Amino acid sequence: MAIKELRINRKIRSREVFVIDADGTQRGVMNTYDAVQMAEDLGLDLVEVSPNANPPVCKILDFGKYRYEQEKRMREAKKNQTVTKIKEVRMQPKIEKHDMETKSRAITEFLGEGNKVKISVRFRGRELAHTELGKVVLDKILDVLGQNNVSYILERSAKMEGRMMSITVAPGKNTTASTKNTDAGENLASEDDAE
């Protein structure tokens, strides 16, 4: 439940509440009016922390301090979470070697930053009749990444989407691991052989 949705003091609607005081001692089921009066006598607030319980559970605490601590905890959690972006690199089936090297450097940079990369080959006009050339280009890009010792995981193999064929690669777990992606079945087989 969000902090803003918590009901405090006289906004609590139920007739009776289960009260936990500021020390954490359970005071039991009380009339809501009496519980609010007890909290006000201590200079604190009665906060409904579990409204779905029967009767609702309320704590006596300093609501301003409680709200500050919750927001601080949420900010810390947000700071520690990692955001993965999907970058896209587009090319055409008739790509030159130099252009492919430039695109592979961009892909390497994106993977190094921890981003996923969608590598797309765009077909125009009559090129749609030869979609196998797009698969060849995507395989060449993966070979170049492998030759440059770039650690990656192939998340999605080549698939046509309208006029584009694309694959998705994610950063590898570590840079010392094998750079070429193998099927999960092959990985399992090699682990079974090792045992």
N, C-alpha and C. Protein backbone atom coordinates (compact mmCIF):
# COMPACT_ATOMS: atom_id res chain seq x y z
N MET A 1 0.85 -1.18 0.00
CA MET A 1 0.00 0.00 0.00
C MET A 1 0.89 1.24 0.00
N ALA A 2 0.58 2.19 -0.84
CA ALA A 2 1.37 3.41 -0.93
C ALA A 2 1.18 4.24 0.33
N ILE A 3 2.19 5.05 0.63
CA ILE A 3 2.17 5.88 1.83
C ILE A 3 1.00 6.86 1.80
N LYS A 4 0.71 7.41 0.64
CA LYS A 4 -0.36 8.39 0.53
C LYS A 4 -1.73 7.78 0.82
N GLU A 5 -1.87 6.45 0.62
CA GLU A 5 -3.16 5.79 0.81
C GLU A 5 -3.41 5.40 2.26
N LEU A 6 -2.40 5.49 3.12
CA LEU A 6 -2.59 5.12 4.52
C LEU A 6 -3.54 6.08 5.21
N ARG A 7 -4.45 5.51 6.00
CA ARG A 7 -5.38 6.35 6.76
C ARG A 7 -4.79 6.56 8.15
N ILE A 8 -4.89 7.79 8.62
CA ILE A 8 -4.36 8.08 9.95
C ILE A 8 -5.43 8.77 10.80
N ASN A 9 -5.25 8.60 12.12
CA ASN A 9 -6.09 9.24 13.13
C ASN A 9 -7.58 9.14 12.83
N ARG A 10 -8.25 10.26 12.68
CA ARG A 10 -9.72 10.26 12.54
C ARG A 10 -10.20 9.86 11.15
N LYS A 11 -9.28 9.63 10.23
CA LYS A 11 -9.67 9.16 8.89
C LYS A 11 -9.88 7.65 8.86
N ILE A 12 -9.52 6.96 9.93
CA ILE A 12 -9.72 5.51 10.00
C ILE A 12 -11.22 5.25 10.15
N ARG A 13 -11.78 4.43 9.28
CA ARG A 13 -13.23 4.26 9.20
C ARG A 13 -13.80 3.17 10.09
N SER A 14 -13.00 2.15 10.44
CA SER A 14 -13.59 1.04 11.20
C SER A 14 -13.90 1.42 12.64
N ARG A 15 -14.84 0.68 13.20
CA ARG A 15 -15.29 0.95 14.56
C ARG A 15 -14.25 0.48 15.57
N GLU A 16 -13.64 -0.70 15.30
CA GLU A 16 -12.63 -1.25 16.19
C GLU A 16 -11.36 -1.53 15.41
N VAL A 17 -10.22 -1.41 16.09
CA VAL A 17 -8.92 -1.68 15.47
C VAL A 17 -8.05 -2.47 16.43
N PHE A 18 -7.12 -3.23 15.87
CA PHE A 18 -6.12 -3.93 16.68
C PHE A 18 -4.93 -2.97 16.81
N VAL A 19 -4.54 -2.63 18.01
CA VAL A 19 -3.56 -1.57 18.24
C VAL A 19 -2.20 -2.14 18.66
N ILE A 20 -1.16 -1.61 18.04
CA ILE A 20 0.22 -1.88 18.44
C ILE A 20 0.81 -0.54 18.81
N ASP A 21 1.34 -0.43 20.03
CA ASP A 21 1.82 0.88 20.48
C ASP A 21 3.22 1.19 19.94
N ALA A 22 3.76 2.34 20.32
CA ALA A 22 5.04 2.84 19.79
C ALA A 22 6.21 1.91 20.12
N ASP A 23 6.11 1.14 21.22
CA ASP A 23 7.19 0.22 21.62
C ASP A 23 7.09 -1.12 20.91
N GLY A 24 6.01 -1.35 20.18
CA GLY A 24 5.80 -2.63 19.50
C GLY A 24 4.97 -3.59 20.33
N THR A 25 4.47 -3.14 21.47
CA THR A 25 3.63 -3.98 22.33
C THR A 25 2.22 -4.02 21.76
N GLN A 26 1.65 -5.22 21.72
CA GLN A 26 0.29 -5.37 21.21
C GLN A 26 -0.70 -5.02 22.30
N ARG A 27 -1.54 -4.05 22.04
CA ARG A 27 -2.54 -3.59 23.01
C ARG A 27 -3.88 -4.30 22.81
N GLY A 28 -4.03 -5.02 21.69
CA GLY A 28 -5.26 -5.76 21.44
C GLY A 28 -6.31 -4.92 20.72
N VAL A 29 -7.52 -5.43 20.66
CA VAL A 29 -8.62 -4.78 19.95
C VAL A 29 -9.18 -3.66 20.83
N MET A 30 -9.31 -2.48 20.21
CA MET A 30 -9.82 -1.31 20.93
C MET A 30 -10.82 -0.56 20.06
N ASN A 31 -11.59 0.27 20.68
CA ASN A 31 -12.46 1.19 19.98
C ASN A 31 -11.55 2.20 19.25
N THR A 32 -11.86 2.56 18.02
CA THR A 32 -11.02 3.46 17.24
C THR A 32 -10.85 4.81 17.90
N TYR A 33 -11.93 5.32 18.46
CA TYR A 33 -11.87 6.64 19.12
C TYR A 33 -10.88 6.61 20.29
N ASP A 34 -10.92 5.53 21.10
CA ASP A 34 -10.01 5.40 22.24
C ASP A 34 -8.56 5.27 21.78
N ALA A 35 -8.35 4.51 20.68
CA ALA A 35 -6.99 4.32 20.16
C ALA A 35 -6.42 5.65 19.65
N VAL A 36 -7.25 6.45 18.98
CA VAL A 36 -6.80 7.76 18.49
C VAL A 36 -6.47 8.66 19.67
N GLN A 37 -7.33 8.60 20.71
CA GLN A 37 -7.09 9.42 21.90
C GLN A 37 -5.78 9.02 22.58
N MET A 38 -5.49 7.71 22.64
CA MET A 38 -4.24 7.22 23.24
C MET A 38 -3.04 7.75 22.46
N ALA A 39 -3.11 7.70 21.11
CA ALA A 39 -2.01 8.18 20.25
C ALA A 39 -1.81 9.68 20.45
N GLU A 40 -2.90 10.43 20.51
CA GLU A 40 -2.78 11.88 20.68
C GLU A 40 -2.21 12.25 22.05
N ASP A 41 -2.53 11.46 23.07
CA ASP A 41 -1.98 11.70 24.41
C ASP A 41 -0.46 11.52 24.40
N LEU A 42 0.03 10.60 23.56
CA LEU A 42 1.48 10.37 23.45
C LEU A 42 2.14 11.35 22.48
N GLY A 43 1.34 12.17 21.80
CA GLY A 43 1.89 13.12 20.82
C GLY A 43 2.24 12.44 19.51
N LEU A 44 1.61 11.29 19.24
CA LEU A 44 1.90 10.52 18.01
C LEU A 44 0.62 10.35 17.21
N ASP A 45 0.71 9.57 16.13
CA ASP A 45 -0.44 9.33 15.25
C ASP A 45 -0.82 7.87 15.29
N LEU A 46 -2.09 7.59 15.03
CA LEU A 46 -2.57 6.22 14.86
C LEU A 46 -2.63 5.98 13.36
N VAL A 47 -1.83 5.02 12.87
CA VAL A 47 -1.71 4.77 11.43
C VAL A 47 -2.23 3.37 11.13
N GLU A 48 -3.14 3.28 10.15
CA GLU A 48 -3.71 2.00 9.74
C GLU A 48 -2.70 1.32 8.79
N VAL A 49 -1.97 0.32 9.31
CA VAL A 49 -0.93 -0.32 8.50
C VAL A 49 -1.43 -1.54 7.75
N SER A 50 -2.49 -2.16 8.25
CA SER A 50 -3.05 -3.33 7.56
C SER A 50 -4.58 -3.22 7.54
N PRO A 51 -5.10 -2.48 6.54
CA PRO A 51 -6.54 -2.22 6.50
C PRO A 51 -7.39 -3.44 6.15
N ASN A 52 -6.80 -4.47 5.53
CA ASN A 52 -7.57 -5.63 5.10
C ASN A 52 -7.76 -6.67 6.19
N ALA A 53 -7.03 -6.53 7.31
CA ALA A 53 -7.17 -7.48 8.42
C ALA A 53 -8.52 -7.26 9.09
N ASN A 54 -8.93 -8.25 9.87
CA ASN A 54 -10.21 -8.12 10.56
C ASN A 54 -9.98 -8.32 12.04
N PRO A 55 -9.99 -7.33 12.89
CA PRO A 55 -10.12 -5.90 12.61
C PRO A 55 -8.82 -5.33 12.05
N PRO A 56 -8.87 -4.15 11.42
CA PRO A 56 -7.67 -3.54 10.84
C PRO A 56 -6.59 -3.33 11.91
N VAL A 57 -5.32 -3.51 11.49
CA VAL A 57 -4.19 -3.34 12.40
C VAL A 57 -3.69 -1.90 12.30
N CYS A 58 -3.55 -1.24 13.46
CA CYS A 58 -3.07 0.13 13.50
C CYS A 58 -1.87 0.22 14.43
N LYS A 59 -0.92 1.09 14.07
CA LYS A 59 0.25 1.32 14.91
C LYS A 59 0.25 2.76 15.39
N ILE A 60 0.75 2.94 16.60
CA ILE A 60 0.93 4.28 17.14
C ILE A 60 2.37 4.67 16.84
N LEU A 61 2.54 5.71 16.01
CA LEU A 61 3.88 6.14 15.63
C LEU A 61 3.86 7.58 15.15
N ASP A 62 5.05 8.13 14.91
CA ASP A 62 5.18 9.48 14.35
C ASP A 62 5.04 9.34 12.84
N PHE A 63 3.90 9.75 12.30
CA PHE A 63 3.62 9.53 10.88
C PHE A 63 4.59 10.27 9.97
N GLY A 64 4.98 11.49 10.33
CA GLY A 64 5.93 12.25 9.50
C GLY A 64 7.26 11.52 9.38
N LYS A 65 7.75 11.00 10.48
CA LYS A 65 9.01 10.25 10.48
C LYS A 65 8.86 8.96 9.70
N TYR A 66 7.72 8.27 9.89
CA TYR A 66 7.45 7.01 9.20
C TYR A 66 7.42 7.24 7.68
N ARG A 67 6.74 8.31 7.25
CA ARG A 67 6.65 8.62 5.82
C ARG A 67 8.03 8.94 5.25
N TYR A 68 8.83 9.70 5.99
CA TYR A 68 10.18 10.04 5.55
C TYR A 68 11.03 8.78 5.38
N GLU A 69 10.96 7.87 6.35
CA GLU A 69 11.74 6.62 6.28
C GLU A 69 11.32 5.78 5.08
N GLN A 70 10.01 5.69 4.83
CA GLN A 70 9.51 4.90 3.70
C GLN A 70 9.99 5.49 2.37
N GLU A 71 9.91 6.83 2.23
CA GLU A 71 10.33 7.48 0.99
C GLU A 71 11.83 7.32 0.79
N LYS A 72 12.59 7.40 1.88
CA LYS A 72 14.04 7.22 1.81
C LYS A 72 14.37 5.80 1.35
N ARG A 73 13.65 4.82 1.88
CA ARG A 73 13.85 3.42 1.49
C ARG A 73 13.52 3.22 0.01
N MET A 74 12.44 3.86 -0.46
CA MET A 74 12.06 3.74 -1.88
C MET A 74 13.09 4.39 -2.79
N ARG A 75 13.65 5.55 -2.37
CA ARG A 75 14.69 6.20 -3.17
C ARG A 75 15.94 5.33 -3.26
N GLU A 76 16.32 4.69 -2.15
CA GLU A 76 17.49 3.81 -2.15
C GLU A 76 17.26 2.62 -3.07
N ALA A 77 16.07 2.04 -3.02
CA ALA A 77 15.76 0.90 -3.88
C ALA A 77 15.81 1.30 -5.35
N LYS A 78 15.30 2.50 -5.65
CA LYS A 78 15.31 2.98 -7.02
C LYS A 78 16.73 3.24 -7.51
N LYS A 79 17.57 3.74 -6.61
CA LYS A 79 18.96 4.04 -6.97
C LYS A 79 19.74 2.76 -7.29
N ASN A 80 19.42 1.68 -6.57
CA ASN A 80 20.16 0.44 -6.73
C ASN A 80 19.66 -0.43 -7.87
N GLN A 81 18.49 -0.13 -8.43
CA GLN A 81 18.00 -0.96 -9.52
C GLN A 81 18.69 -0.57 -10.83
N THR A 82 18.94 -1.57 -11.65
CA THR A 82 19.59 -1.32 -12.93
C THR A 82 18.54 -1.29 -14.02
N VAL A 83 18.66 -0.33 -14.91
CA VAL A 83 17.72 -0.18 -16.00
C VAL A 83 18.41 -0.66 -17.28
N THR A 84 17.82 -1.64 -17.93
CA THR A 84 18.38 -2.15 -19.17
C THR A 84 17.62 -1.53 -20.32
N LYS A 85 18.34 -0.89 -21.20
CA LYS A 85 17.71 -0.28 -22.37
C LYS A 85 17.97 -1.17 -23.58
N ILE A 86 17.08 -1.08 -24.55
CA ILE A 86 17.28 -1.81 -25.80
C ILE A 86 17.67 -0.78 -26.85
N LYS A 87 18.90 -0.92 -27.35
CA LYS A 87 19.39 -0.06 -28.42
C LYS A 87 19.17 -0.81 -29.73
N GLU A 88 19.02 -0.06 -30.81
CA GLU A 88 18.82 -0.70 -32.11
C GLU A 88 19.88 -0.22 -33.08
N VAL A 89 20.44 -1.20 -33.81
CA VAL A 89 21.40 -0.90 -34.86
C VAL A 89 20.79 -1.44 -36.15
N ARG A 90 20.60 -0.54 -37.13
CA ARG A 90 19.99 -0.94 -38.40
C ARG A 90 21.03 -0.96 -39.51
N MET A 91 20.81 -1.86 -40.45
CA MET A 91 21.67 -1.94 -41.64
C MET A 91 20.86 -2.51 -42.79
N GLN A 92 21.50 -2.59 -43.96
CA GLN A 92 20.85 -3.14 -45.15
C GLN A 92 21.56 -4.42 -45.57
N PRO A 93 20.89 -5.25 -46.39
CA PRO A 93 21.54 -6.50 -46.81
C PRO A 93 22.83 -6.28 -47.61
N LYS A 94 22.91 -5.16 -48.33
CA LYS A 94 24.12 -4.86 -49.11
C LYS A 94 25.01 -3.94 -48.29
N ILE A 95 25.66 -4.47 -47.25
CA ILE A 95 26.50 -3.66 -46.38
C ILE A 95 27.97 -3.98 -46.68
N GLU A 96 28.76 -2.95 -46.70
CA GLU A 96 30.20 -3.13 -46.98
C GLU A 96 30.93 -3.53 -45.71
N LYS A 97 32.13 -4.07 -45.88
CA LYS A 97 32.93 -4.56 -44.76
C LYS A 97 33.22 -3.46 -43.74
N HIS A 98 33.61 -2.28 -44.21
CA HIS A 98 33.94 -1.18 -43.32
C HIS A 98 32.72 -0.75 -42.49
N ASP A 99 31.54 -0.67 -43.15
CA ASP A 99 30.32 -0.31 -42.45
C ASP A 99 29.96 -1.35 -41.38
N MET A 100 30.20 -2.62 -41.72
CA MET A 100 29.91 -3.70 -40.77
C MET A 100 30.82 -3.57 -39.54
N GLU A 101 32.08 -3.21 -39.76
CA GLU A 101 33.00 -3.03 -38.63
C GLU A 101 32.55 -1.87 -37.75
N THR A 102 32.09 -0.79 -38.37
CA THR A 102 31.60 0.37 -37.61
C THR A 102 30.38 -0.02 -36.79
N LYS A 103 29.44 -0.73 -37.41
CA LYS A 103 28.23 -1.17 -36.70
C LYS A 103 28.60 -2.11 -35.56
N SER A 104 29.56 -3.01 -35.78
CA SER A 104 29.93 -3.95 -34.72
C SER A 104 30.60 -3.23 -33.56
N ARG A 105 31.35 -2.14 -33.84
CA ARG A 105 31.94 -1.34 -32.75
C ARG A 105 30.83 -0.69 -31.92
N ALA A 106 29.79 -0.19 -32.60
CA ALA A 106 28.66 0.41 -31.88
C ALA A 106 27.95 -0.64 -31.02
N ILE A 107 27.77 -1.82 -31.56
CA ILE A 107 27.12 -2.91 -30.80
C ILE A 107 27.97 -3.27 -29.59
N THR A 108 29.29 -3.36 -29.78
CA THR A 108 30.21 -3.67 -28.68
C THR A 108 30.11 -2.62 -27.58
N GLU A 109 30.03 -1.36 -27.98
CA GLU A 109 29.92 -0.26 -27.02
C GLU A 109 28.61 -0.35 -26.24
N PHE A 110 27.51 -0.62 -26.94
CA PHE A 110 26.21 -0.75 -26.27
C PHE A 110 26.21 -1.91 -25.28
N LEU A 111 26.77 -3.06 -25.69
CA LEU A 111 26.83 -4.22 -24.80
C LEU A 111 27.72 -3.92 -23.60
N GLY A 112 28.80 -3.18 -23.82
CA GLY A 112 29.70 -2.80 -22.72
C GLY A 112 29.02 -1.93 -21.69
N GLU A 113 28.04 -1.13 -22.13
CA GLU A 113 27.29 -0.26 -21.21
C GLU A 113 26.19 -1.03 -20.48
N GLY A 114 26.01 -2.32 -20.83
CA GLY A 114 25.00 -3.13 -20.17
C GLY A 114 23.64 -3.09 -20.85
N ASN A 115 23.57 -2.59 -22.07
CA ASN A 115 22.30 -2.51 -22.80
C ASN A 115 22.11 -3.72 -23.70
N LYS A 116 20.85 -4.06 -23.95
CA LYS A 116 20.53 -5.07 -24.96
C LYS A 116 20.58 -4.38 -26.31
N VAL A 117 20.86 -5.14 -27.35
CA VAL A 117 20.94 -4.55 -28.69
C VAL A 117 20.09 -5.36 -29.65
N LYS A 118 19.22 -4.64 -30.37
CA LYS A 118 18.42 -5.24 -31.43
C LYS A 118 19.12 -4.90 -32.73
N ILE A 119 19.60 -5.92 -33.43
CA ILE A 119 20.31 -5.73 -34.69
C ILE A 119 19.33 -6.05 -35.81
N SER A 120 19.05 -5.04 -36.65
CA SER A 120 18.03 -5.20 -37.69
C SER A 120 18.61 -4.99 -39.07
N VAL A 121 18.09 -5.78 -40.02
CA VAL A 121 18.42 -5.61 -41.43
C VAL A 121 17.13 -5.19 -42.12
N ARG A 122 17.17 -4.02 -42.76
CA ARG A 122 15.97 -3.46 -43.41
C ARG A 122 16.01 -3.79 -44.91
N PHE A 123 14.90 -4.34 -45.41
CA PHE A 123 14.79 -4.70 -46.82
C PHE A 123 13.95 -3.66 -47.55
N ARG A 124 14.41 -3.28 -48.74
CA ARG A 124 13.67 -2.32 -49.57
C ARG A 124 13.37 -2.95 -50.92
N GLY A 125 12.17 -2.70 -51.40
CA GLY A 125 11.79 -3.11 -52.76
C GLY A 125 12.04 -4.58 -53.03
N ARG A 126 12.86 -4.86 -54.07
CA ARG A 126 13.12 -6.23 -54.50
C ARG A 126 13.97 -7.03 -53.53
N GLU A 127 14.59 -6.34 -52.59
CA GLU A 127 15.41 -7.04 -51.59
C GLU A 127 14.56 -8.01 -50.76
N LEU A 128 13.24 -7.75 -50.67
CA LEU A 128 12.37 -8.64 -49.92
C LEU A 128 12.31 -10.04 -50.51
N ALA A 129 12.65 -10.18 -51.78
CA ALA A 129 12.66 -11.49 -52.42
C ALA A 129 13.86 -12.32 -51.96
N HIS A 130 14.86 -11.66 -51.34
CA HIS A 130 16.09 -12.36 -50.94
C HIS A 130 16.38 -12.12 -49.46
N THR A 131 15.44 -12.54 -48.62
CA THR A 131 15.61 -12.32 -47.18
C THR A 131 16.74 -13.16 -46.60
N GLU A 132 17.15 -14.20 -47.33
CA GLU A 132 18.27 -15.02 -46.84
C GLU A 132 19.56 -14.20 -46.74
N LEU A 133 19.66 -13.12 -47.53
CA LEU A 133 20.84 -12.25 -47.45
C LEU A 133 20.88 -11.52 -46.10
N GLY A 134 19.73 -11.22 -45.54
CA GLY A 134 19.67 -10.58 -44.22
C GLY A 134 20.20 -11.51 -43.15
N LYS A 135 19.85 -12.79 -43.27
CA LYS A 135 20.35 -13.79 -42.30
C LYS A 135 21.87 -13.90 -42.39
N VAL A 136 22.40 -13.82 -43.60
CA VAL A 136 23.85 -13.88 -43.80
C VAL A 136 24.52 -12.68 -43.12
N VAL A 137 23.94 -11.50 -43.29
CA VAL A 137 24.51 -10.28 -42.68
C VAL A 137 24.49 -10.39 -41.16
N LEU A 138 23.38 -10.87 -40.60
CA LEU A 138 23.28 -11.01 -39.14
C LEU A 138 24.30 -12.03 -38.62
N ASP A 139 24.48 -13.13 -39.38
CA ASP A 139 25.48 -14.12 -38.97
C ASP A 139 26.89 -13.54 -39.02
N LYS A 140 27.15 -12.70 -40.03
CA LYS A 140 28.48 -12.06 -40.14
C LYS A 140 28.73 -11.14 -38.95
N ILE A 141 27.70 -10.38 -38.55
CA ILE A 141 27.85 -9.48 -37.39
C ILE A 141 28.19 -10.29 -36.15
N LEU A 142 27.50 -11.41 -35.95
CA LEU A 142 27.79 -12.25 -34.78
C LEU A 142 29.20 -12.83 -34.85
N ASP A 143 29.65 -13.17 -36.07
CA ASP A 143 31.03 -13.65 -36.23
C ASP A 143 32.04 -12.57 -35.88
N VAL A 144 31.78 -11.33 -36.32
CA VAL A 144 32.68 -10.22 -36.01
C VAL A 144 32.73 -9.98 -34.50
N LEU A 145 31.57 -10.05 -33.84
CA LEU A 145 31.55 -9.89 -32.38
C LEU A 145 32.36 -11.00 -31.70
N GLY A 146 32.22 -12.20 -32.21
CA GLY A 146 32.98 -13.33 -31.67
C GLY A 146 34.47 -13.16 -31.86
N GLN A 147 34.89 -12.68 -33.04
CA GLN A 147 36.31 -12.46 -33.33
C GLN A 147 36.89 -11.36 -32.44
N ASN A 148 36.06 -10.38 -32.06
CA ASN A 148 36.52 -9.28 -31.20
C ASN A 148 36.41 -9.62 -29.71
N ASN A 149 36.13 -10.89 -29.40
CA ASN A 149 36.01 -11.36 -28.01
C ASN A 149 34.96 -10.58 -27.20
N VAL A 150 33.84 -10.29 -27.84
CA VAL A 150 32.74 -9.60 -27.16
C VAL A 150 31.84 -10.67 -26.54
N SER A 151 31.58 -10.53 -25.24
CA SER A 151 30.73 -11.49 -24.55
C SER A 151 29.27 -11.08 -24.75
N TYR A 152 28.47 -11.98 -25.31
CA TYR A 152 27.07 -11.69 -25.54
C TYR A 152 26.24 -12.95 -25.43
N ILE A 153 24.96 -12.75 -25.26
CA ILE A 153 24.00 -13.86 -25.23
C ILE A 153 22.96 -13.56 -26.31
N LEU A 154 22.76 -14.52 -27.18
CA LEU A 154 21.75 -14.35 -28.23
C LEU A 154 20.38 -14.63 -27.62
N GLU A 155 19.60 -13.57 -27.41
CA GLU A 155 18.29 -13.72 -26.77
C GLU A 155 17.21 -14.14 -27.75
N ARG A 156 17.29 -13.63 -28.97
CA ARG A 156 16.28 -13.96 -29.97
C ARG A 156 16.96 -14.15 -31.30
N SER A 157 16.74 -15.29 -31.91
CA SER A 157 17.36 -15.56 -33.20
C SER A 157 16.65 -14.78 -34.31
N ALA A 158 17.19 -14.86 -35.53
CA ALA A 158 16.70 -14.07 -36.65
C ALA A 158 15.22 -14.33 -36.91
N LYS A 159 14.48 -13.21 -37.01
CA LYS A 159 13.03 -13.30 -37.21
C LYS A 159 12.59 -12.13 -38.08
N MET A 160 11.70 -12.40 -39.02
CA MET A 160 11.18 -11.34 -39.89
C MET A 160 10.06 -10.60 -39.17
N GLU A 161 10.10 -9.27 -39.25
CA GLU A 161 9.05 -8.41 -38.72
C GLU A 161 8.74 -7.39 -39.80
N GLY A 162 7.76 -7.67 -40.61
CA GLY A 162 7.43 -6.77 -41.71
C GLY A 162 8.55 -6.75 -42.73
N ARG A 163 9.18 -5.58 -42.93
CA ARG A 163 10.27 -5.45 -43.90
C ARG A 163 11.64 -5.57 -43.24
N MET A 164 11.67 -6.03 -41.99
CA MET A 164 12.93 -6.11 -41.27
C MET A 164 13.15 -7.50 -40.69
N MET A 165 14.40 -7.92 -40.70
CA MET A 165 14.80 -9.15 -40.01
C MET A 165 15.71 -8.72 -38.87
N SER A 166 15.44 -9.24 -37.68
CA SER A 166 16.25 -8.78 -36.55
C SER A 166 16.58 -9.90 -35.58
N ILE A 167 17.64 -9.66 -34.80
CA ILE A 167 18.03 -10.52 -33.69
C ILE A 167 18.22 -9.61 -32.48
N THR A 168 18.19 -10.19 -31.30
CA THR A 168 18.45 -9.42 -30.08
C THR A 168 19.56 -10.09 -29.31
N VAL A 169 20.57 -9.29 -28.92
CA VAL A 169 21.67 -9.81 -28.12
C VAL A 169 21.72 -9.02 -26.81
N ALA A 170 22.12 -9.71 -25.75
CA ALA A 170 22.25 -9.09 -24.43
C ALA A 170 23.70 -9.23 -23.98
N PRO A 171 24.14 -8.39 -23.04
CA PRO A 171 25.51 -8.52 -22.55
C PRO A 171 25.72 -9.88 -21.91
N GLY A 172 26.92 -10.43 -22.10
CA GLY A 172 27.25 -11.72 -21.50
C GLY A 172 27.44 -11.59 -20.00
N LYS A 173 27.44 -12.72 -19.32
CA LYS A 173 27.58 -12.72 -17.86
C LYS A 173 28.95 -12.21 -17.44
N ASN A 174 29.99 -12.67 -18.12
CA ASN A 174 31.33 -12.15 -17.83
C ASN A 174 32.16 -12.19 -19.11
N THR A 175 33.22 -11.44 -19.15
CA THR A 175 33.99 -11.30 -20.38
C THR A 175 34.89 -12.49 -20.64
N THR A 176 35.15 -13.34 -19.65
CA THR A 176 36.01 -14.49 -19.87
C THR A 176 35.25 -15.69 -20.43
N ALA A 177 33.93 -15.62 -20.40
CA ALA A 177 33.11 -16.72 -20.90
C ALA A 177 33.21 -16.78 -22.42
N SER A 178 32.75 -17.88 -22.95
CA SER A 178 32.75 -18.04 -24.40
C SER A 178 31.89 -16.96 -25.04
N THR A 179 32.39 -16.34 -26.11
CA THR A 179 31.67 -15.24 -26.71
C THR A 179 30.57 -15.71 -27.64
N LYS A 180 30.73 -16.85 -28.22
CA LYS A 180 29.70 -17.32 -29.13
C LYS A 180 28.60 -18.00 -28.36
N ASN A 181 27.38 -17.66 -28.71
CA ASN A 181 26.23 -18.23 -28.03
C ASN A 181 25.99 -19.63 -28.54
N THR A 182 25.73 -20.56 -27.63
CA THR A 182 25.35 -21.91 -28.02
C THR A 182 23.98 -22.18 -27.43
N ASP A 183 23.29 -23.14 -28.00
CA ASP A 183 21.96 -23.45 -27.50
C ASP A 183 22.04 -23.96 -26.08
N ALA A 184 20.98 -23.76 -25.32
CA ALA A 184 20.96 -24.19 -23.92
C ALA A 184 21.15 -25.70 -23.81
N GLY A 185 20.62 -26.43 -24.77
CA GLY A 185 20.76 -27.88 -24.76
C GLY A 185 22.21 -28.30 -24.87
N GLU A 186 23.00 -27.62 -25.70
CA GLU A 186 24.42 -27.94 -25.84
C GLU A 186 25.16 -27.62 -24.54
N ASN A 187 24.80 -26.52 -23.88
CA ASN A 187 25.43 -26.18 -22.60
C ASN A 187 25.16 -27.23 -21.56
N LEU A 188 23.89 -27.70 -21.50
CA LEU A 188 23.54 -28.72 -20.53
C LEU A 188 24.28 -30.02 -20.81
N ALA A 189 24.39 -30.36 -22.10
CA ALA A 189 25.08 -31.59 -22.46
C ALA A 189 26.55 -31.54 -22.04
N SER A 190 27.20 -30.41 -22.24
CA SER A 190 28.62 -30.31 -21.89
C SER A 190 28.79 -30.34 -20.38
N GLU A 191 27.84 -29.80 -19.60
CA GLU A 191 27.93 -29.85 -18.15
C GLU A 191 27.72 -31.27 -17.65
N ASP A 192 26.81 -32.00 -18.31
CA ASP A 192 26.58 -33.40 -17.92
C ASP A 192 27.81 -34.25 -18.22
N ASP A 193 28.48 -33.96 -19.34
CA ASP A 193 29.68 -34.71 -19.70
C ASP A 193 30.78 -34.49 -18.69
N ALA A 194 30.86 -33.24 -18.14
CA ALA A 194 31.92 -32.90 -17.20
C ALA A 194 31.77 -33.65 -15.89
N GLU A 195 30.53 -33.98 -15.52
CA GLU A 195 30.28 -34.71 -14.26
C GLU A 195 30.56 -36.14 -14.45
